[in-house]
Amino acid sequence: MDENYTYIVRCADGTLYTGWTNDLKKRIKAHNSGKGAKYTKTRRPVELVYFEHFATKEEAMSREYHIKQLKRAQKQALIDEMNKNNKSICTQTDSRK
């Protein structure tokens, strides 16, 4: 089964960037090395603050589109809910595992 994710990162300037990927760890590393999205290249480092897992690329891309339509406060509510439920998402994306 493929892994596909929609994610939100918080940039160093406090802005939020939403994207999708099939390798979350690799994508966050790419953003932080300046090889991710053009938007995040000048706003490093980025911190993963939210993600959702999907079975297909199309589902992840659709969710990315819908999240990008949300207002910042609505995106922050998603982030807050994930933090409340999971305490720390860093343990789920720790590259040492």
PDB file of N, CA and C in Angstrom:
ATOM      1  N   MET A   1       0.829  -1.189   0.000  1.00  0.00           N
ATOM      2  CA  MET A   1       0.000   0.000   0.000  1.00  0.00           C
ATOM      3  C   MET A   1       0.873   1.253   0.000  1.00  0.00           C
ATOM      4  N   ASP A   2       0.554   2.188  -0.860  1.00  0.00           N
ATOM      5  CA  ASP A   2       1.289   3.439  -0.918  1.00  0.00           C
ATOM      6  C   ASP A   2       0.932   4.312   0.271  1.00  0.00           C
ATOM      7  N   GLU A   3       1.853   5.157   0.648  1.00  0.00           N
ATOM      8  CA  GLU A   3       1.612   6.134   1.695  1.00  0.00           C
ATOM      9  C   GLU A   3       1.557   7.502   1.049  1.00  0.00           C
ATOM     10  N   ASN A   4       0.519   8.218   1.325  1.00  0.00           N
ATOM     11  CA  ASN A   4       0.346   9.576   0.804  1.00  0.00           C
ATOM     12  C   ASN A   4      -0.109  10.457   1.938  1.00  0.00           C
ATOM     13  N   TYR A   5       0.449  11.648   1.990  1.00  0.00           N
ATOM     14  CA  TYR A   5       0.184  12.543   3.102  1.00  0.00           C
ATOM     15  C   TYR A   5      -0.158  13.945   2.609  1.00  0.00           C
ATOM     16  N   THR A   6      -1.045  14.585   3.334  1.00  0.00           N
ATOM     17  CA  THR A   6      -1.238  16.028   3.241  1.00  0.00           C
ATOM     18  C   THR A   6      -0.653  16.574   4.530  1.00  0.00           C
ATOM     19  N   TYR A   7       0.098  17.654   4.433  1.00  0.00           N
ATOM     20  CA  TYR A   7       0.791  18.158   5.614  1.00  0.00           C
ATOM     21  C   TYR A   7       0.776  19.676   5.655  1.00  0.00           C
ATOM     22  N   ILE A   8       1.017  20.195   6.850  1.00  0.00           N
ATOM     23  CA  ILE A   8       1.203  21.636   7.046  1.00  0.00           C
ATOM     24  C   ILE A   8       2.502  21.812   7.806  1.00  0.00           C
ATOM     25  N   VAL A   9       3.335  22.728   7.331  1.00  0.00           N
ATOM     26  CA  VAL A   9       4.541  23.107   8.066  1.00  0.00           C
ATOM     27  C   VAL A   9       4.425  24.573   8.480  1.00  0.00           C
ATOM     28  N   ARG A  10       5.028  24.868   9.616  1.00  0.00           N
ATOM     29  CA  ARG A  10       5.134  26.258  10.059  1.00  0.00           C
ATOM     30  C   ARG A  10       6.529  26.737   9.672  1.00  0.00           C
ATOM     31  N   CYS A  11       6.572  27.809   8.922  1.00  0.00           N
ATOM     32  CA  CYS A  11       7.848  28.367   8.460  1.00  0.00           C
ATOM     33  C   CYS A  11       8.464  29.236   9.554  1.00  0.00           C
ATOM     34  N   ALA A  12       9.733  29.552   9.397  1.00  0.00           N
ATOM     35  CA  ALA A  12      10.447  30.357  10.386  1.00  0.00           C
ATOM     36  C   ALA A  12       9.804  31.722  10.597  1.00  0.00           C
ATOM     37  N   ASP A  13       9.133  32.261   9.583  1.00  0.00           N
ATOM     38  CA  ASP A  13       8.474  33.567   9.722  1.00  0.00           C
ATOM     39  C   ASP A  13       7.057  33.452  10.281  1.00  0.00           C
ATOM     40  N   GLY A  14       6.656  32.232  10.672  1.00  0.00           N
ATOM     41  CA  GLY A  14       5.348  32.018  11.275  1.00  0.00           C
ATOM     42  C   GLY A  14       4.236  31.689  10.293  1.00  0.00           C
ATOM     43  N   THR A  15       4.512  31.764   9.011  1.00  0.00           N
ATOM     44  CA  THR A  15       3.486  31.428   8.022  1.00  0.00           C
ATOM     45  C   THR A  15       3.319  29.911   7.933  1.00  0.00           C
ATOM     46  N   LEU A  16       2.199  29.501   7.371  1.00  0.00           N
ATOM     47  CA  LEU A  16       1.900  28.084   7.214  1.00  0.00           C
ATOM     48  C   LEU A  16       1.948  27.719   5.735  1.00  0.00           C
ATOM     49  N   TYR A  17       2.516  26.559   5.446  1.00  0.00           N
ATOM     50  CA  TYR A  17       2.570  26.054   4.076  1.00  0.00           C
ATOM     51  C   TYR A  17       1.933  24.667   4.070  1.00  0.00           C
ATOM     52  N   THR A  18       1.056  24.424   3.125  1.00  0.00           N
ATOM     53  CA  THR A  18       0.384  23.135   2.988  1.00  0.00           C
ATOM     54  C   THR A  18       0.834  22.449   1.703  1.00  0.00           C
ATOM     55  N   GLY A  19       1.085  21.159   1.794  1.00  0.00           N
ATOM     56  CA  GLY A  19       1.481  20.390   0.625  1.00  0.00           C
ATOM     57  C   GLY A  19       1.057  18.944   0.759  1.00  0.00           C
ATOM     58  N   TRP A  20       1.458  18.141  -0.215  1.00  0.00           N
ATOM     59  CA  TRP A  20       1.214  16.703  -0.141  1.00  0.00           C
ATOM     60  C   TRP A  20       2.482  15.989  -0.577  1.00  0.00           C
ATOM     61  N   THR A  21       2.645  14.752  -0.144  1.00  0.00           N
ATOM     62  CA  THR A  21       3.830  13.975  -0.481  1.00  0.00           C
ATOM     63  C   THR A  21       3.547  12.490  -0.287  1.00  0.00           C
ATOM     64  N   ASN A  22       4.415  11.659  -0.827  1.00  0.00           N
ATOM     65  CA  ASN A  22       4.328  10.225  -0.556  1.00  0.00           C
ATOM     66  C   ASN A  22       5.456   9.772   0.365  1.00  0.00           C
ATOM     67  N   ASP A  23       6.289  10.712   0.808  1.00  0.00           N
ATOM     68  CA  ASP A  23       7.365  10.412   1.768  1.00  0.00           C
ATOM     69  C   ASP A  23       7.532  11.633   2.666  1.00  0.00           C
ATOM     70  N   LEU A  24       6.873  11.602   3.797  1.00  0.00           N
ATOM     71  CA  LEU A  24       6.820  12.769   4.679  1.00  0.00           C
ATOM     72  C   LEU A  24       8.185  13.173   5.218  1.00  0.00           C
ATOM     73  N   LYS A  25       8.956  12.220   5.702  1.00  0.00           N
ATOM     74  CA  LYS A  25      10.283  12.528   6.253  1.00  0.00           C
ATOM     75  C   LYS A  25      11.177  13.172   5.195  1.00  0.00           C
ATOM     76  N   LYS A  26      11.180  12.582   4.019  1.00  0.00           N
ATOM     77  CA  LYS A  26      12.018  13.096   2.925  1.00  0.00           C
ATOM     78  C   LYS A  26      11.582  14.502   2.504  1.00  0.00           C
ATOM     79  N   ARG A  27      10.271  14.733   2.479  1.00  0.00           N
ATOM     80  CA  ARG A  27       9.761  16.038   2.055  1.00  0.00           C
ATOM     81  C   ARG A  27      10.129  17.136   3.053  1.00  0.00           C
ATOM     82  N   ILE A  28      10.039  16.845   4.339  1.00  0.00           N
ATOM     83  CA  ILE A  28      10.403  17.843   5.359  1.00  0.00           C
ATOM     84  C   ILE A  28      11.901  18.145   5.261  1.00  0.00           C
ATOM     85  N   LYS A  29      12.701  17.119   5.059  1.00  0.00           N
ATOM     86  CA  LYS A  29      14.149  17.325   4.873  1.00  0.00           C
ATOM     87  C   LYS A  29      14.407  18.189   3.639  1.00  0.00           C
ATOM     88  N   ALA A  30      13.658  17.941   2.574  1.00  0.00           N
ATOM     89  CA  ALA A  30      13.819  18.727   1.345  1.00  0.00           C
ATOM     90  C   ALA A  30      13.472  20.195   1.599  1.00  0.00           C
ATOM     91  N   HIS A  31      12.368  20.429   2.297  1.00  0.00           N
ATOM     92  CA  HIS A  31      12.001  21.813   2.624  1.00  0.00           C
ATOM     93  C   HIS A  31      13.129  22.483   3.411  1.00  0.00           C
ATOM     94  N   ASN A  32      13.679  21.792   4.389  1.00  0.00           N
ATOM     95  CA  ASN A  32      14.700  22.390   5.251  1.00  0.00           C
ATOM     96  C   ASN A  32      16.063  22.504   4.601  1.00  0.00           C
ATOM     97  N   SER A  33      16.278  21.803   3.499  1.00  0.00           N
ATOM     98  CA  SER A  33      17.552  21.933   2.784  1.00  0.00           C
ATOM     99  C   SER A  33      17.447  22.936   1.632  1.00  0.00           C
ATOM    100  N   GLY A  34      16.262  23.535   1.477  1.00  0.00           N
ATOM    101  CA  GLY A  34      16.076  24.511   0.410  1.00  0.00           C
ATOM    102  C   GLY A  34      15.676  23.904  -0.909  1.00  0.00           C
ATOM    103  N   LYS A  35      15.399  22.600  -0.930  1.00  0.00           N
ATOM    104  CA  LYS A  35      15.035  21.914  -2.169  1.00  0.00           C
ATOM    105  C   LYS A  35      13.553  21.554  -2.214  1.00  0.00           C
ATOM    106  N   GLY A  36      12.777  22.069  -1.277  1.00  0.00           N
ATOM    107  CA  GLY A  36      11.334  21.830  -1.267  1.00  0.00           C
ATOM    108  C   GLY A  36      10.656  22.863  -2.147  1.00  0.00           C
ATOM    109  N   ALA A  37       9.552  23.357  -1.694  1.00  0.00           N
ATOM    110  CA  ALA A  37       8.791  24.347  -2.449  1.00  0.00           C
ATOM    111  C   ALA A  37       9.506  25.693  -2.492  1.00  0.00           C
ATOM    112  N   LYS A  38       9.270  26.436  -3.548  1.00  0.00           N
ATOM    113  CA  LYS A  38       9.837  27.778  -3.686  1.00  0.00           C
ATOM    114  C   LYS A  38       9.444  28.653  -2.488  1.00  0.00           C
ATOM    115  N   TYR A  39       8.191  28.504  -2.033  1.00  0.00           N
ATOM    116  CA  TYR A  39       7.695  29.315  -0.915  1.00  0.00           C
ATOM    117  C   TYR A  39       8.519  29.095   0.350  1.00  0.00           C
ATOM    118  N   THR A  40       8.857  27.851   0.644  1.00  0.00           N
ATOM    119  CA  THR A  40       9.567  27.562   1.898  1.00  0.00           C
ATOM    120  C   THR A  40      11.075  27.784   1.802  1.00  0.00           C
ATOM    121  N   LYS A  41      11.584  27.898   0.604  1.00  0.00           N
ATOM    122  CA  LYS A  41      13.031  28.024   0.409  1.00  0.00           C
ATOM    123  C   LYS A  41      13.631  29.188   1.196  1.00  0.00           C
ATOM    124  N   THR A  42      12.921  30.304   1.230  1.00  0.00           N
ATOM    125  CA  THR A  42      13.439  31.495   1.932  1.00  0.00           C
ATOM    126  C   THR A  42      12.836  31.643   3.327  1.00  0.00           C
ATOM    127  N   ARG A  43      12.098  30.643   3.766  1.00  0.00           N
ATOM    128  CA  ARG A  43      11.428  30.723   5.067  1.00  0.00           C
ATOM    129  C   ARG A  43      11.842  29.569   5.985  1.00  0.00           C
ATOM    130  N   ARG A  44      13.049  29.098   5.828  1.00  0.00           N
ATOM    131  CA  ARG A  44      13.558  27.976   6.617  1.00  0.00           C
ATOM    132  C   ARG A  44      14.064  28.455   7.969  1.00  0.00           C
ATOM    133  N   PRO A  45      14.081  27.532   8.937  1.00  0.00           N
ATOM    134  CA  PRO A  45      13.637  26.151   8.851  1.00  0.00           C
ATOM    135  C   PRO A  45      12.114  26.049   8.969  1.00  0.00           C
ATOM    136  N   VAL A  46      11.600  24.918   8.511  1.00  0.00           N
ATOM    137  CA  VAL A  46      10.170  24.647   8.666  1.00  0.00           C
ATOM    138  C   VAL A  46      10.003  23.535   9.695  1.00  0.00           C
ATOM    139  N   GLU A  47       8.835  23.544  10.331  1.00  0.00           N
ATOM    140  CA  GLU A  47       8.523  22.541  11.336  1.00  0.00           C
ATOM    141  C   GLU A  47       7.198  21.881  10.962  1.00  0.00           C
ATOM    142  N   LEU A  48       7.185  20.566  10.914  1.00  0.00           N
ATOM    143  CA  LEU A  48       5.960  19.840  10.642  1.00  0.00           C
ATOM    144  C   LEU A  48       5.006  20.027  11.811  1.00  0.00           C
ATOM    145  N   VAL A  49       3.803  20.551  11.528  1.00  0.00           N
ATOM    146  CA  VAL A  49       2.841  20.800  12.599  1.00  0.00           C
ATOM    147  C   VAL A  49       1.536  20.034  12.413  1.00  0.00           C
ATOM    148  N   TYR A  50       1.328  19.431  11.227  1.00  0.00           N
ATOM    149  CA  TYR A  50       0.080  18.721  10.970  1.00  0.00           C
ATOM    150  C   TYR A  50       0.265  17.790   9.780  1.00  0.00           C
ATOM    151  N   PHE A  51      -0.362  16.619   9.838  1.00  0.00           N
ATOM    152  CA  PHE A  51      -0.404  15.758   8.663  1.00  0.00           C
ATOM    153  C   PHE A  51      -1.583  14.807   8.750  1.00  0.00           C
ATOM    154  N   GLU A  52      -2.003  14.330   7.585  1.00  0.00           N
ATOM    155  CA  GLU A  52      -3.041  13.308   7.464  1.00  0.00           C
ATOM    156  C   GLU A  52      -2.519  12.264   6.488  1.00  0.00           C
ATOM    157  N   HIS A  53      -2.884  11.025   6.710  1.00  0.00           N
ATOM    158  CA  HIS A  53      -2.461   9.907   5.865  1.00  0.00           C
ATOM    159  C   HIS A  53      -3.611   9.498   4.952  1.00  0.00           C
ATOM    160  N   PHE A  54      -3.292   9.180   3.689  1.00  0.00           N
ATOM    161  CA  PHE A  54      -4.306   8.765   2.713  1.00  0.00           C
ATOM    162  C   PHE A  54      -3.820   7.555   1.928  1.00  0.00           C
ATOM    163  N   ALA A  55      -4.765   6.774   1.443  1.00  0.00           N
ATOM    164  CA  ALA A  55      -4.435   5.577   0.665  1.00  0.00           C
ATOM    165  C   ALA A  55      -3.986   5.932  -0.754  1.00  0.00           C
ATOM    166  N   THR A  56      -4.514   7.028  -1.305  1.00  0.00           N
ATOM    167  CA  THR A  56      -4.170   7.378  -2.686  1.00  0.00           C
ATOM    168  C   THR A  56      -3.640   8.801  -2.797  1.00  0.00           C
ATOM    169  N   LYS A  57      -2.878   9.012  -3.836  1.00  0.00           N
ATOM    170  CA  LYS A  57      -2.345  10.335  -4.151  1.00  0.00           C
ATOM    171  C   LYS A  57      -3.477  11.325  -4.396  1.00  0.00           C
ATOM    172  N   GLU A  58      -4.506  10.881  -5.073  1.00  0.00           N
ATOM    173  CA  GLU A  58      -5.628  11.759  -5.402  1.00  0.00           C
ATOM    174  C   GLU A  58      -6.341  12.263  -4.152  1.00  0.00           C
ATOM    175  N   GLU A  59      -6.495  11.382  -3.159  1.00  0.00           N
ATOM    176  CA  GLU A  59      -7.115  11.806  -1.896  1.00  0.00           C
ATOM    177  C   GLU A  59      -6.258  12.851  -1.187  1.00  0.00           C
ATOM    178  N   ALA A  60      -4.953  12.626  -1.164  1.00  0.00           N
ATOM    179  CA  ALA A  60      -4.034  13.563  -0.512  1.00  0.00           C
ATOM    180  C   ALA A  60      -4.042  14.911  -1.229  1.00  0.00           C
ATOM    181  N   MET A  61      -4.054  14.883  -2.556  1.00  0.00           N
ATOM    182  CA  MET A  61      -4.061  16.128  -3.326  1.00  0.00           C
ATOM    183  C   MET A  61      -5.383  16.879  -3.142  1.00  0.00           C
ATOM    184  N   SER A  62      -6.465  16.154  -3.064  1.00  0.00           N
ATOM    185  CA  SER A  62      -7.765  16.777  -2.845  1.00  0.00           C
ATOM    186  C   SER A  62      -7.819  17.440  -1.472  1.00  0.00           C
ATOM    187  N   ARG A  63      -7.309  16.732  -0.460  1.00  0.00           N
ATOM    188  CA  ARG A  63      -7.296  17.307   0.894  1.00  0.00           C
ATOM    189  C   ARG A  63      -6.389  18.531   0.946  1.00  0.00           C
ATOM    190  N   GLU A  64      -5.253  18.485   0.243  1.00  0.00           N
ATOM    191  CA  GLU A  64      -4.356  19.648   0.178  1.00  0.00           C
ATOM    192  C   GLU A  64      -5.119  20.856  -0.364  1.00  0.00           C
ATOM    193  N   TYR A  65      -5.843  20.657  -1.437  1.00  0.00           N
ATOM    194  CA  TYR A  65      -6.613  21.744  -2.036  1.00  0.00           C
ATOM    195  C   TYR A  65      -7.609  22.308  -1.027  1.00  0.00           C
ATOM    196  N   HIS A  66      -8.323  21.427  -0.348  1.00  0.00           N
ATOM    197  CA  HIS A  66      -9.334  21.891   0.606  1.00  0.00           C
ATOM    198  C   HIS A  66      -8.713  22.634   1.788  1.00  0.00           C
ATOM    199  N   ILE A  67      -7.590  22.153   2.283  1.00  0.00           N
ATOM    200  CA  ILE A  67      -6.920  22.855   3.387  1.00  0.00           C
ATOM    201  C   ILE A  67      -6.435  24.225   2.925  1.00  0.00           C
ATOM    202  N   LYS A  68      -5.930  24.312   1.700  1.00  0.00           N
ATOM    203  CA  LYS A  68      -5.454  25.602   1.192  1.00  0.00           C
ATOM    204  C   LYS A  68      -6.578  26.628   1.066  1.00  0.00           C
ATOM    205  N   GLN A  69      -7.823  26.168   0.995  1.00  0.00           N
ATOM    206  CA  GLN A  69      -8.961  27.079   0.911  1.00  0.00           C
ATOM    207  C   GLN A  69      -9.370  27.617   2.286  1.00  0.00           C
ATOM    208  N   LEU A  70      -8.874  27.000   3.354  1.00  0.00           N
ATOM    209  CA  LEU A  70      -9.244  27.410   4.706  1.00  0.00           C
ATOM    210  C   LEU A  70      -8.554  28.713   5.098  1.00  0.00           C
ATOM    211  N   LYS A  71      -9.176  29.427   5.990  1.00  0.00           N
ATOM    212  CA  LYS A  71      -8.554  30.611   6.586  1.00  0.00           C
ATOM    213  C   LYS A  71      -7.494  30.136   7.578  1.00  0.00           C
ATOM    214  N   ARG A  72      -6.558  31.014   7.891  1.00  0.00           N
ATOM    215  CA  ARG A  72      -5.468  30.655   8.801  1.00  0.00           C
ATOM    216  C   ARG A  72      -5.997  30.117  10.137  1.00  0.00           C
ATOM    217  N   ALA A  73      -7.019  30.753  10.685  1.00  0.00           N
ATOM    218  CA  ALA A  73      -7.573  30.316  11.973  1.00  0.00           C
ATOM    219  C   ALA A  73      -8.115  28.887  11.885  1.00  0.00           C
ATOM    220  N   GLN A  74      -8.682  28.533  10.746  1.00  0.00           N
ATOM    221  CA  GLN A  74      -9.200  27.181  10.561  1.00  0.00           C
ATOM    222  C   GLN A  74      -8.052  26.171  10.458  1.00  0.00           C
ATOM    223  N   LYS A  75      -6.972  26.572   9.795  1.00  0.00           N
ATOM    224  CA  LYS A  75      -5.796  25.705   9.725  1.00  0.00           C
ATOM    225  C   LYS A  75      -5.200  25.523  11.116  1.00  0.00           C
ATOM    226  N   GLN A  76      -5.149  26.608  11.873  1.00  0.00           N
ATOM    227  CA  GLN A  76      -4.610  26.528  13.229  1.00  0.00           C
ATOM    228  C   GLN A  76      -5.461  25.603  14.095  1.00  0.00           C
ATOM    229  N   ALA A  77      -6.772  25.606  13.885  1.00  0.00           N
ATOM    230  CA  ALA A  77      -7.652  24.706  14.630  1.00  0.00           C
ATOM    231  C   ALA A  77      -7.330  23.239  14.317  1.00  0.00           C
ATOM    232  N   LEU A  78      -7.025  22.928  13.064  1.00  0.00           N
ATOM    233  CA  LEU A  78      -6.606  21.565  12.702  1.00  0.00           C
ATOM    234  C   LEU A  78      -5.326  21.189  13.443  1.00  0.00           C
ATOM    235  N   ILE A  79      -4.370  22.116  13.449  1.00  0.00           N
ATOM    236  CA  ILE A  79      -3.082  21.893  14.117  1.00  0.00           C
ATOM    237  C   ILE A  79      -3.299  21.682  15.611  1.00  0.00           C
ATOM    238  N   ASP A  80      -4.116  22.535  16.214  1.00  0.00           N
ATOM    239  CA  ASP A  80      -4.376  22.435  17.651  1.00  0.00           C
ATOM    240  C   ASP A  80      -5.039  21.103  17.996  1.00  0.00           C
ATOM    241  N   GLU A  81      -5.968  20.665  17.163  1.00  0.00           N
ATOM    242  CA  GLU A  81      -6.655  19.391  17.406  1.00  0.00           C
ATOM    243  C   GLU A  81      -5.675  18.227  17.327  1.00  0.00           C
ATOM    244  N   MET A  82      -4.774  18.252  16.349  1.00  0.00           N
ATOM    245  CA  MET A  82      -3.785  17.180  16.239  1.00  0.00           C
ATOM    246  C   MET A  82      -2.866  17.188  17.456  1.00  0.00           C
ATOM    247  N   ASN A  83      -2.439  18.360  17.863  1.00  0.00           N
ATOM    248  CA  ASN A  83      -1.551  18.451  19.021  1.00  0.00           C
ATOM    249  C   ASN A  83      -2.249  17.959  20.285  1.00  0.00           C
ATOM    250  N   LYS A  84      -3.522  18.248  20.410  1.00  0.00           N
ATOM    251  CA  LYS A  84      -4.288  17.809  21.571  1.00  0.00           C
ATOM    252  C   LYS A  84      -4.402  16.285  21.603  1.00  0.00           C
ATOM    253  N   ASN A  85      -4.610  15.693  20.444  1.00  0.00           N
ATOM    254  CA  ASN A  85      -4.795  14.245  20.368  1.00  0.00           C
ATOM    255  C   ASN A  85      -3.495  13.452  20.390  1.00  0.00           C
ATOM    256  N   ASN A  86      -2.438  14.002  19.820  1.00  0.00           N
ATOM    257  CA  ASN A  86      -1.191  13.250  19.677  1.00  0.00           C
ATOM    258  C   ASN A  86      -0.054  13.757  20.536  1.00  0.00           C
ATOM    259  N   LYS A  87      -0.242  14.882  21.197  1.00  0.00           N
ATOM    260  CA  LYS A  87       0.785  15.510  22.038  1.00  0.00           C
ATOM    261  C   LYS A  87       2.001  15.945  21.221  1.00  0.00           C
ATOM    262  N   SER A  88       2.639  15.018  20.514  1.00  0.00           N
ATOM    263  CA  SER A  88       3.815  15.371  19.717  1.00  0.00           C
ATOM    264  C   SER A  88       3.816  14.580  18.419  1.00  0.00           C
ATOM    265  N   ILE A  89       3.780  15.283  17.290  1.00  0.00           N
ATOM    266  CA  ILE A  89       3.824  14.571  16.014  1.00  0.00           C
ATOM    267  C   ILE A  89       5.254  14.260  15.606  1.00  0.00           C
ATOM    268  N   CYS A  90       6.223  14.865  16.281  1.00  0.00           N
ATOM    269  CA  CYS A  90       7.620  14.616  15.918  1.00  0.00           C
ATOM    270  C   CYS A  90       7.969  13.154  16.090  1.00  0.00           C
ATOM    271  N   THR A  91       7.415  12.491  17.094  1.00  0.00           N
ATOM    272  CA  THR A  91       7.749  11.079  17.317  1.00  0.00           C
ATOM    273  C   THR A  91       7.256  10.212  16.180  1.00  0.00           C
ATOM    274  N   GLN A  92       6.212  10.642  15.471  1.00  0.00           N
ATOM    275  CA  GLN A  92       5.676   9.846  14.377  1.00  0.00           C
ATOM    276  C   GLN A  92       6.490  10.020  13.097  1.00  0.00           C
ATOM    277  N   THR A  93       7.306  11.031  13.025  1.00  0.00           N
ATOM    278  CA  THR A  93       8.091  11.268  11.814  1.00  0.00           C
ATOM    279  C   THR A  93       9.587  11.257  12.113  1.00  0.00           C
ATOM    280  N   ASP A  94       9.964  10.734  13.250  1.00  0.00           N
ATOM    281  CA  ASP A  94      11.359  10.691  13.664  1.00  0.00           C
ATOM    282  C   ASP A  94      12.146   9.816  12.701  1.00  0.00           C
ATOM    283  N   SER A  95      13.166  10.367  12.066  1.00  0.00           N
ATOM    284  CA  SER A  95      13.935   9.645  11.041  1.00  0.00           C
ATOM    285  C   SER A  95      14.813   8.565  11.636  1.00  0.00           C
ATOM    286  N   ARG A  96      14.985   8.522  12.954  1.00  0.00           N
ATOM    287  CA  ARG A  96      15.821   7.487  13.570  1.00  0.00           C
ATOM    288  C   ARG A  96      15.093   6.168  13.684  1.00  0.00           C
ATOM    289  N   LYS A  97      13.788   6.140  13.442  1.00  0.00           N
ATOM    290  CA  LYS A  97      13.016   4.897  13.556  1.00  0.00           C
ATOM    291  C   LYS A  97      13.191   4.043  12.334  1.00  0.00           C
TER     292      LYS A  97
END
